Protein backbone atom coordinates (compact mmCIF):
# COMPACT_ATOMS: atom_id res chain seq x y z
CA MET A 1 -4.89 20.62 -23.87
CA SER A 2 -6.05 17.92 -21.47
CA SER A 3 -5.98 18.52 -17.73
CA ILE A 4 -3.79 16.38 -15.48
CA PHE A 5 -7.01 14.70 -14.30
CA THR A 6 -8.02 13.80 -17.86
CA LYS A 7 -4.56 12.27 -18.29
CA ILE A 8 -5.19 10.22 -15.14
CA VAL A 9 -8.60 9.09 -16.48
CA ASN A 10 -6.95 8.11 -19.78
CA GLY A 11 -4.23 6.13 -18.00
CA GLU A 12 -1.45 8.45 -19.20
CA ILE A 13 -0.55 9.30 -15.59
CA PRO A 14 -0.82 6.69 -12.81
CA CYS A 15 -2.91 7.24 -9.70
CA TYR A 16 -3.77 5.55 -6.43
CA LYS A 17 -7.28 4.61 -7.46
CA ILE A 18 -9.91 4.17 -4.78
CA SER A 19 -12.96 3.53 -6.95
CA GLU A 20 -14.47 4.28 -10.34
CA ASN A 21 -17.53 3.74 -12.42
CA GLU A 22 -18.42 4.73 -15.98
CA LYS A 23 -18.75 8.45 -15.05
CA PHE A 24 -16.53 9.14 -12.03
CA LEU A 25 -13.12 8.38 -10.57
CA ALA A 26 -11.82 8.68 -7.00
CA PHE A 27 -8.11 8.61 -6.21
CA LEU A 28 -5.71 9.70 -3.49
CA ASP A 29 -4.29 13.20 -3.64
CA VAL A 30 -0.52 12.66 -3.88
CA PHE A 31 0.10 15.95 -2.04
CA PRO A 32 -2.59 15.62 0.62
CA LEU A 33 -3.59 17.98 3.41
CA VAL A 34 -3.81 14.90 5.66
CA HIS A 35 -3.28 11.18 5.03
CA GLY A 36 -6.24 9.71 3.16
CA HIS A 37 -7.19 12.91 1.26
CA ILE A 38 -9.16 11.82 -1.83
CA LEU A 39 -10.15 13.58 -5.04
CA VAL A 40 -13.41 12.72 -6.80
CA ILE A 41 -13.69 13.77 -10.44
CA PRO A 42 -16.03 13.33 -13.38
CA LYS A 43 -14.33 11.37 -16.13
CA LYS A 44 -15.61 13.92 -18.64
CA GLU A 45 -13.48 17.06 -18.43
CA VAL A 46 -15.57 19.98 -17.18
CA ASP A 47 -13.73 22.97 -15.72
CA TYR A 48 -16.34 24.34 -13.29
CA ILE A 49 -18.31 22.02 -11.02
CA PHE A 50 -21.52 24.00 -11.46
CA ASP A 51 -21.33 23.51 -15.24
CA ILE A 52 -21.91 19.78 -14.71
CA PRO A 53 -25.52 18.90 -15.62
CA ASP A 54 -27.77 18.59 -12.55
CA THR A 55 -28.35 14.84 -12.76
CA GLU A 56 -24.63 14.12 -13.18
CA LEU A 57 -23.72 16.46 -10.31
CA ALA A 58 -26.20 14.62 -8.08
CA GLU A 59 -24.72 11.28 -9.18
CA MET A 60 -21.22 12.61 -8.44
CA MET A 61 -22.25 13.52 -4.89
CA VAL A 62 -23.77 10.06 -4.32
CA PHE A 63 -20.54 8.51 -5.66
CA ALA A 64 -18.51 10.78 -3.33
CA LYS A 65 -20.68 9.73 -0.38
CA LYS A 66 -19.79 6.06 -0.95
CA ILE A 67 -16.12 6.98 -1.07
CA ALA A 68 -16.40 9.09 2.10
CA ASN A 69 -18.12 6.25 3.98
CA ALA A 70 -15.26 3.85 3.16
CA GLN A 71 -12.72 6.56 3.92
CA LYS A 72 -14.24 7.23 7.36
CA ALA A 73 -14.30 3.50 8.14
CA ALA A 74 -10.60 3.23 7.25
CA ILE A 75 -9.22 6.36 8.90
CA ALA A 76 -9.54 7.47 12.52
CA CYS A 77 -11.25 10.86 12.16
CA LYS A 78 -14.29 12.75 13.39
CA ARG A 79 -15.63 13.61 9.95
CA ILE A 80 -14.87 13.60 6.27
CA GLY A 81 -14.79 17.21 5.14
CA ILE A 82 -15.74 18.20 1.63
CA ALA A 83 -14.35 21.11 -0.36
CA VAL A 84 -14.65 22.36 -3.89
CA ILE A 85 -12.01 24.94 -4.74
CA GLY A 86 -11.52 24.49 -8.47
CA LEU A 87 -8.69 26.94 -9.05
CA GLU A 88 -5.61 24.72 -9.20
CA VAL A 89 -6.72 22.24 -11.91
CA PRO A 90 -9.18 23.17 -14.70
CA HIS A 91 -11.20 19.98 -14.17
CA ALA A 92 -14.06 19.85 -11.66
CA HIS A 93 -13.19 17.94 -8.51
CA ILE A 94 -14.29 17.36 -4.94
CA HIS A 95 -11.80 17.07 -2.09
CA LEU A 96 -12.72 14.52 0.60
CA VAL A 97 -10.53 15.22 3.62
CA PRO A 98 -10.43 13.23 6.87
CA MET A 99 -10.83 15.77 9.68
CA ASN A 100 -10.30 15.91 13.42
CA THR A 101 -10.01 19.71 13.51
CA VAL A 102 -11.03 22.47 11.12
CA ASN A 103 -7.33 23.04 10.37
CA ASP A 104 -7.20 19.63 8.68
CA ILE A 105 -9.05 21.15 5.72
CA ASN A 106 -7.04 24.39 5.63
CA PHE A 107 -5.68 24.60 2.09
CA THR A 108 -3.09 27.22 3.07
CA GLN A 109 -1.16 24.77 5.24
CA PRO A 110 1.84 22.88 3.81
CA LYS A 111 0.95 19.71 1.94
CA LEU A 112 2.23 16.30 3.04
CA LYS A 113 4.61 14.31 0.85
CA PRO A 114 3.81 10.64 1.51
CA SER A 115 5.94 7.93 -0.07
CA LYS A 116 4.63 5.67 -2.83
CA ASP A 117 4.40 2.85 -0.30
CA GLU A 118 2.38 5.01 2.12
CA LEU A 119 0.00 6.01 -0.68
CA ALA A 120 -0.40 2.41 -1.89
CA ASP A 121 -1.05 1.21 1.67
CA MET A 122 -3.62 3.95 2.29
CA ALA A 123 -5.42 3.17 -0.99
CA GLU A 124 -5.68 -0.51 -0.04
CA LYS A 125 -6.85 0.34 3.48
CA ILE A 126 -9.68 2.52 2.14
CA LYS A 127 -10.65 0.09 -0.65
CA SER A 128 -10.95 -2.71 1.91
CA LYS A 129 -13.81 -0.81 3.62
CA PHE A 130 -16.26 -0.80 0.70
CA LEU A 131 -19.38 -2.78 1.50
């Protein structure tokens, strides 16, 4: 059975896309820790991030860096935090989280529930910062 992320890649479930290329996709988390929380995934379904071949994992990090740079330019924050948890969805993914305090990347805190308009606006704000 396909993961929810594979369904997003295949267009079966909509997302607030930030960027994509032939191998990777970045989109807003719809239940973010903070506004602007982005998920970066390989388009090929792989459950565990360290099962991704070395060259593709390196390419995924470079892709994530480009996303994080646009994210930081769009959102007032001190840093973009990065986390790989991998327990909630069986599809490797990187969380890119705008941070002003360490608590901003605390996955035990309640998630936000932004509206569709808030998500769409945030996606456009971040996409406008790509060089």
